[in-house]
PDB file of N, CA and C in Angstrom:
ATOM      1  N   UNK A   1      15.454  26.296 -14.063  1.00  0.00           N
ATOM      2  CA  UNK A   1      15.010  24.960 -13.695  1.00  0.00           C
ATOM      3  C   UNK A   1      14.947  24.744 -12.181  1.00  0.00           C
ATOM      4  N   UNK A   2      15.271  25.767 -11.398  1.00  0.00           N
ATOM      5  CA  UNK A   2      15.192  25.641  -9.948  1.00  0.00           C
ATOM      6  C   UNK A   2      13.754  25.369  -9.513  1.00  0.00           C
ATOM      7  N   UNK A   3      12.804  25.991 -10.196  1.00  0.00           N
ATOM      8  CA  UNK A   3      11.402  25.766  -9.867  1.00  0.00           C
ATOM      9  C   UNK A   3      11.026  24.318 -10.151  1.00  0.00           C
ATOM     10  N   UNK A   4      11.562  23.778 -11.235  1.00  0.00           N
ATOM     11  CA  UNK A   4      11.349  22.387 -11.598  1.00  0.00           C
ATOM     12  C   UNK A   4      11.834  21.470 -10.474  1.00  0.00           C
ATOM     13  N   UNK A   5      13.007  21.781  -9.920  1.00  0.00           N
ATOM     14  CA  UNK A   5      13.546  20.998  -8.807  1.00  0.00           C
ATOM     15  C   UNK A   5      12.675  21.140  -7.566  1.00  0.00           C
ATOM     16  N   UNK A   6      12.170  22.342  -7.339  1.00  0.00           N
ATOM     17  CA  UNK A   6      11.287  22.566  -6.189  1.00  0.00           C
ATOM     18  C   UNK A   6      10.034  21.698  -6.308  1.00  0.00           C
ATOM     19  N   UNK A   7       9.477  21.624  -7.494  1.00  0.00           N
ATOM     20  CA  UNK A   7       8.264  20.824  -7.709  1.00  0.00           C
ATOM     21  C   UNK A   7       8.544  19.355  -7.433  1.00  0.00           C
ATOM     22  N   UNK A   8       9.620  18.823  -7.996  1.00  0.00           N
ATOM     23  CA  UNK A   8       9.911  17.398  -7.792  1.00  0.00           C
ATOM     24  C   UNK A   8      10.216  17.098  -6.326  1.00  0.00           C
ATOM     25  N   UNK A   9      10.888  18.015  -5.652  1.00  0.00           N
ATOM     26  CA  UNK A   9      11.175  17.827  -4.227  1.00  0.00           C
ATOM     27  C   UNK A   9       9.883  17.810  -3.424  1.00  0.00           C
ATOM     28  N   UNK A  10       8.990  18.752  -3.696  1.00  0.00           N
ATOM     29  CA  UNK A  10       7.725  18.818  -2.959  1.00  0.00           C
ATOM     30  C   UNK A  10       6.853  17.607  -3.263  1.00  0.00           C
ATOM     31  N   UNK A  11       6.841  17.160  -4.521  1.00  0.00           N
ATOM     32  CA  UNK A  11       6.066  15.963  -4.864  1.00  0.00           C
ATOM     33  C   UNK A  11       6.578  14.746  -4.100  1.00  0.00           C
ATOM     34  N   UNK A  12       7.882  14.636  -3.951  1.00  0.00           N
ATOM     35  CA  UNK A  12       8.458  13.529  -3.189  1.00  0.00           C
ATOM     36  C   UNK A  12       8.045  13.611  -1.721  1.00  0.00           C
ATOM     37  N   UNK A  13       8.028  14.818  -1.160  1.00  0.00           N
ATOM     38  CA  UNK A  13       7.603  15.001   0.231  1.00  0.00           C
ATOM     39  C   UNK A  13       6.143  14.612   0.408  1.00  0.00           C
ATOM     40  N   UNK A  14       5.307  15.029  -0.528  1.00  0.00           N
ATOM     41  CA  UNK A  14       3.877  14.687  -0.466  1.00  0.00           C
ATOM     42  C   UNK A  14       3.699  13.183  -0.564  1.00  0.00           C
ATOM     43  N   UNK A  15       4.403  12.562  -1.488  1.00  0.00           N
ATOM     44  CA  UNK A  15       4.315  11.106  -1.656  1.00  0.00           C
ATOM     45  C   UNK A  15       4.693  10.403  -0.351  1.00  0.00           C
ATOM     46  N   UNK A  16       5.768  10.859   0.263  1.00  0.00           N
ATOM     47  CA  UNK A  16       6.208  10.245   1.524  1.00  0.00           C
ATOM     48  C   UNK A  16       5.131  10.384   2.598  1.00  0.00           C
ATOM     49  N   UNK A  17       4.550  11.573   2.734  1.00  0.00           N
ATOM     50  CA  UNK A  17       3.527  11.789   3.765  1.00  0.00           C
ATOM     51  C   UNK A  17       2.285  10.952   3.501  1.00  0.00           C
ATOM     52  N   UNK A  18       1.871  10.859   2.239  1.00  0.00           N
ATOM     53  CA  UNK A  18       0.712  10.024   1.912  1.00  0.00           C
ATOM     54  C   UNK A  18       0.990   8.557   2.210  1.00  0.00           C
ATOM     55  N   UNK A  19       2.225   8.125   1.957  1.00  0.00           N
ATOM     56  CA  UNK A  19       2.618   6.747   2.264  1.00  0.00           C
ATOM     57  C   UNK A  19       2.555   6.500   3.772  1.00  0.00           C
ATOM     58  N   UNK A  20       3.034   7.461   4.566  1.00  0.00           N
ATOM     59  CA  UNK A  20       2.983   7.341   6.024  1.00  0.00           C
ATOM     60  C   UNK A  20       1.526   7.258   6.494  1.00  0.00           C
ATOM     61  N   UNK A  21       0.680   8.116   5.951  1.00  0.00           N
ATOM     62  CA  UNK A  21      -0.742   8.092   6.321  1.00  0.00           C
ATOM     63  C   UNK A  21      -1.353   6.732   6.002  1.00  0.00           C
ATOM     64  N   UNK A  22      -1.079   6.220   4.806  1.00  0.00           N
ATOM     65  CA  UNK A  22      -1.641   4.923   4.413  1.00  0.00           C
ATOM     66  C   UNK A  22      -1.169   3.814   5.347  1.00  0.00           C
ATOM     67  N   UNK A  23       0.102   3.834   5.715  1.00  0.00           N
ATOM     68  CA  UNK A  23       0.628   2.808   6.624  1.00  0.00           C
ATOM     69  C   UNK A  23       0.021   2.945   8.014  1.00  0.00           C
ATOM     70  N   UNK A  24      -0.147   4.179   8.478  1.00  0.00           N
ATOM     71  CA  UNK A  24      -0.755   4.389   9.795  1.00  0.00           C
ATOM     72  C   UNK A  24      -2.193   3.894   9.805  1.00  0.00           C
ATOM     73  N   UNK A  25      -2.923   4.195   8.753  1.00  0.00           N
ATOM     74  CA  UNK A  25      -4.327   3.775   8.695  1.00  0.00           C
ATOM     75  C   UNK A  25      -4.457   2.264   8.558  1.00  0.00           C
ATOM     76  N   UNK A  26      -3.444   1.611   8.049  1.00  0.00           N
ATOM     77  CA  UNK A  26      -3.493   0.160   7.868  1.00  0.00           C
ATOM     78  C   UNK A  26      -3.157  -0.605   9.144  1.00  0.00           C
ATOM     79  N   UNK A  27      -2.689   0.097  10.169  1.00  0.00           N
ATOM     80  CA  UNK A  27      -2.329  -0.563  11.424  1.00  0.00           C
ATOM     81  C   UNK A  27      -3.578  -1.137  12.089  1.00  0.00           C
ATOM     82  N   UNK A  28      -3.527  -2.403  12.461  1.00  0.00           N
ATOM     83  CA  UNK A  28      -4.701  -3.032  13.078  1.00  0.00           C
ATOM     84  C   UNK A  28      -5.183  -2.322  14.342  1.00  0.00           C
ATOM     85  N   UNK A  29      -4.263  -1.766  15.123  1.00  0.00           N
ATOM     86  CA  UNK A  29      -4.683  -1.114  16.366  1.00  0.00           C
ATOM     87  C   UNK A  29      -5.386   0.219  16.115  1.00  0.00           C
ATOM     88  N   UNK A  30      -5.284   0.737  14.887  1.00  0.00           N
ATOM     89  CA  UNK A  30      -5.969   1.984  14.565  1.00  0.00           C
ATOM     90  C   UNK A  30      -7.374   1.744  14.012  1.00  0.00           C
ATOM     91  N   UNK A  31      -7.621   0.522  13.552  1.00  0.00           N
ATOM     92  CA  UNK A  31      -8.951   0.215  13.038  1.00  0.00           C
ATOM     93  C   UNK A  31      -9.952   0.386  14.178  1.00  0.00           C
ATOM     94  N   UNK A  32     -10.965   1.133  13.922  1.00  0.00           N
ATOM     95  CA  UNK A  32     -11.920   1.450  14.973  1.00  0.00           C
ATOM     96  C   UNK A  32     -11.504   2.672  15.773  1.00  0.00           C
ATOM     97  N   UNK A  33     -10.296   3.151  15.508  1.00  0.00           N
ATOM     98  CA  UNK A  33      -9.794   4.341  16.189  1.00  0.00           C
ATOM     99  C   UNK A  33      -9.615   5.466  15.193  1.00  0.00           C
ATOM    100  N   UNK A  34      -8.361   5.890  15.011  1.00  0.00           N
ATOM    101  CA  UNK A  34      -8.079   7.026  14.132  1.00  0.00           C
ATOM    102  C   UNK A  34      -8.551   6.790  12.696  1.00  0.00           C
ATOM    103  N   UNK A  35      -8.313   5.596  12.184  1.00  0.00           N
ATOM    104  CA  UNK A  35      -8.708   5.307  10.807  1.00  0.00           C
ATOM    105  C   UNK A  35     -10.229   5.356  10.654  1.00  0.00           C
ATOM    106  N   UNK A  36     -10.933   4.788  11.609  1.00  0.00           N
ATOM    107  CA  UNK A  36     -12.395   4.769  11.543  1.00  0.00           C
ATOM    108  C   UNK A  36     -12.977   6.166  11.682  1.00  0.00           C
ATOM    109  N   UNK A  37     -12.302   7.021  12.449  1.00  0.00           N
ATOM    110  CA  UNK A  37     -12.785   8.397  12.615  1.00  0.00           C
ATOM    111  C   UNK A  37     -12.411   9.265  11.417  1.00  0.00           C
ATOM    112  N   UNK A  38     -11.744   8.653  10.477  1.00  0.00           N
ATOM    113  CA  UNK A  38     -11.333   9.337   9.245  1.00  0.00           C
ATOM    114  C   UNK A  38     -10.465  10.558   9.581  1.00  0.00           C
ATOM    115  N   UNK A  39      -9.585  10.365  10.531  1.00  0.00           N
ATOM    116  CA  UNK A  39      -8.742  11.431  11.045  1.00  0.00           C
ATOM    117  C   UNK A  39      -7.850  12.053   9.969  1.00  0.00           C
ATOM    118  N   UNK A  40      -7.458  11.267   9.003  1.00  0.00           N
ATOM    119  CA  UNK A  40      -6.501  11.737   8.007  1.00  0.00           C
ATOM    120  C   UNK A  40      -7.144  12.227   6.703  1.00  0.00           C
ATOM    121  N   UNK A  41      -8.453  12.160   6.603  1.00  0.00           N
ATOM    122  CA  UNK A  41      -9.122  12.501   5.347  1.00  0.00           C
ATOM    123  C   UNK A  41      -8.815  13.919   4.872  1.00  0.00           C
ATOM    124  N   UNK A  42      -8.917  14.889   5.752  1.00  0.00           N
ATOM    125  CA  UNK A  42      -8.688  16.276   5.360  1.00  0.00           C
ATOM    126  C   UNK A  42      -7.247  16.479   4.911  1.00  0.00           C
ATOM    127  N   UNK A  43      -6.313  15.943   5.693  1.00  0.00           N
ATOM    128  CA  UNK A  43      -4.901  16.093   5.332  1.00  0.00           C
ATOM    129  C   UNK A  43      -4.616  15.423   3.986  1.00  0.00           C
ATOM    130  N   UNK A  44      -5.161  14.229   3.789  1.00  0.00           N
ATOM    131  CA  UNK A  44      -4.953  13.506   2.530  1.00  0.00           C
ATOM    132  C   UNK A  44      -5.530  14.305   1.357  1.00  0.00           C
ATOM    133  N   UNK A  45      -6.733  14.841   1.529  1.00  0.00           N
ATOM    134  CA  UNK A  45      -7.367  15.617   0.462  1.00  0.00           C
ATOM    135  C   UNK A  45      -6.554  16.862   0.108  1.00  0.00           C
ATOM    136  N   UNK A  46      -6.014  17.534   1.138  1.00  0.00           N
ATOM    137  CA  UNK A  46      -5.188  18.727   0.890  1.00  0.00           C
ATOM    138  C   UNK A  46      -3.898  18.367   0.158  1.00  0.00           C
ATOM    139  N   UNK A  47      -3.281  17.261   0.547  1.00  0.00           N
ATOM    140  CA  UNK A  47      -2.050  16.829  -0.119  1.00  0.00           C
ATOM    141  C   UNK A  47      -2.310  16.435  -1.573  1.00  0.00           C
ATOM    142  N   UNK A  48      -3.414  15.775  -1.819  1.00  0.00           N
ATOM    143  CA  UNK A  48      -3.759  15.394  -3.195  1.00  0.00           C
ATOM    144  C   UNK A  48      -4.051  16.639  -4.027  1.00  0.00           C
ATOM    145  N   UNK A  49      -4.764  17.600  -3.456  1.00  0.00           N
ATOM    146  CA  UNK A  49      -5.046  18.848  -4.173  1.00  0.00           C
ATOM    147  C   UNK A  49      -3.752  19.595  -4.477  1.00  0.00           C
ATOM    148  N   UNK A  50      -2.837  19.628  -3.522  1.00  0.00           N
ATOM    149  CA  UNK A  50      -1.546  20.285  -3.759  1.00  0.00           C
ATOM    150  C   UNK A  50      -0.776  19.575  -4.873  1.00  0.00           C
ATOM    151  N   UNK A  51      -0.837  18.251  -4.877  1.00  0.00           N
ATOM    152  CA  UNK A  51      -0.171  17.477  -5.927  1.00  0.00           C
ATOM    153  C   UNK A  51      -0.725  17.846  -7.296  1.00  0.00           C
ATOM    154  N   UNK A  52      -2.046  17.932  -7.397  1.00  0.00           N
ATOM    155  CA  UNK A  52      -2.670  18.299  -8.665  1.00  0.00           C
ATOM    156  C   UNK A  52      -2.236  19.697  -9.106  1.00  0.00           C
ATOM    157  N   UNK A  53      -2.184  20.630  -8.175  1.00  0.00           N
ATOM    158  CA  UNK A  53      -1.736  21.995  -8.492  1.00  0.00           C
ATOM    159  C   UNK A  53      -0.282  22.005  -8.965  1.00  0.00           C
ATOM    160  N   UNK A  54       0.573  21.264  -8.269  1.00  0.00           N
ATOM    161  CA  UNK A  54       1.985  21.211  -8.647  1.00  0.00           C
ATOM    162  C   UNK A  54       2.170  20.592 -10.024  1.00  0.00           C
ATOM    163  N   UNK A  55       1.428  19.528 -10.297  1.00  0.00           N
ATOM    164  CA  UNK A  55       1.540  18.891 -11.614  1.00  0.00           C
ATOM    165  C   UNK A  55       1.065  19.835 -12.719  1.00  0.00           C
ATOM    166  N   UNK A  56       0.025  20.605 -12.436  1.00  0.00           N
ATOM    167  CA  UNK A  56      -0.458  21.584 -13.402  1.00  0.00           C
ATOM    168  C   UNK A  56       0.603  22.662 -13.644  1.00  0.00           C
ATOM    169  N   UNK A  57       1.201  23.164 -12.566  1.00  0.00           N
ATOM    170  CA  UNK A  57       2.271  24.163 -12.706  1.00  0.00           C
ATOM    171  C   UNK A  57       3.456  23.596 -13.471  1.00  0.00           C
ATOM    172  N   UNK A  58       3.791  22.355 -13.187  1.00  0.00           N
ATOM    173  CA  UNK A  58       4.919  21.703 -13.849  1.00  0.00           C
ATOM    174  C   UNK A  58       4.651  21.571 -15.348  1.00  0.00           C
ATOM    175  N   UNK A  59       3.425  21.196 -15.671  1.00  0.00           N
ATOM    176  CA  UNK A  59       3.041  21.074 -17.083  1.00  0.00           C
ATOM    177  C   UNK A  59       3.143  22.440 -17.776  1.00  0.00           C
ATOM    178  N   UNK A  60       2.659  23.484 -17.145  1.00  0.00           N
ATOM    179  CA  UNK A  60       2.754  24.823 -17.716  1.00  0.00           C
ATOM    180  C   UNK A  60       4.212  25.248 -17.889  1.00  0.00           C
ATOM    181  N   UNK A  61       5.042  24.947 -16.915  1.00  0.00           N
ATOM    182  CA  UNK A  61       6.462  25.271 -16.993  1.00  0.00           C
ATOM    183  C   UNK A  61       7.120  24.564 -18.173  1.00  0.00           C
ATOM    184  N   UNK A  62       6.819  23.306 -18.337  1.00  0.00           N
ATOM    185  CA  UNK A  62       7.410  22.545 -19.453  1.00  0.00           C
ATOM    186  C   UNK A  62       6.922  23.064 -20.803  1.00  0.00           C
ATOM    187  N   UNK A  63       5.627  23.405 -20.875  1.00  0.00           N
ATOM    188  CA  UNK A  63       5.108  23.961 -22.130  1.00  0.00           C
ATOM    189  C   UNK A  63       5.766  25.292 -22.448  1.00  0.00           C
ATOM    190  N   UNK A  64       5.987  26.108 -21.447  1.00  0.00           N
ATOM    191  CA  UNK A  64       6.642  27.413 -21.646  1.00  0.00           C
ATOM    192  C   UNK A  64       8.078  27.236 -22.125  1.00  0.00           C
ATOM    193  N   UNK A  65       8.754  26.209 -21.645  1.00  0.00           N
ATOM    194  CA  UNK A  65      10.133  25.954 -22.039  1.00  0.00           C
ATOM    195  C   UNK A  65      10.231  25.369 -23.447  1.00  0.00           C
ATOM    196  N   UNK A  66       9.140  24.770 -23.934  1.00  0.00           N
ATOM    197  CA  UNK A  66       9.128  24.227 -25.309  1.00  0.00           C
ATOM    198  C   UNK A  66       9.017  25.333 -26.341  1.00  0.00           C
ATOM    199  N   UNK A  67       8.419  26.438 -25.945  1.00  0.00           N
ATOM    200  CA  UNK A  67       8.162  27.532 -26.892  1.00  0.00           C
ATOM    201  C   UNK A  67       9.417  28.315 -27.213  1.00  0.00           C
TER     202      UNK A  67
END
């Protein structure tokens, strides 16, 4: 189950980073600046893709443990 713990830990880290990005982009002084230049789009997309991969691995791990 160590891998299971690794997945949940990484998901929490990703969630935190996405939350930070969302808060940064919501700052009024960034409107027209970093947010408008879509500075965080690539990072956000990579984090979301990693989340999807981790959830898929987690699902496979749980299915394997049911067998």
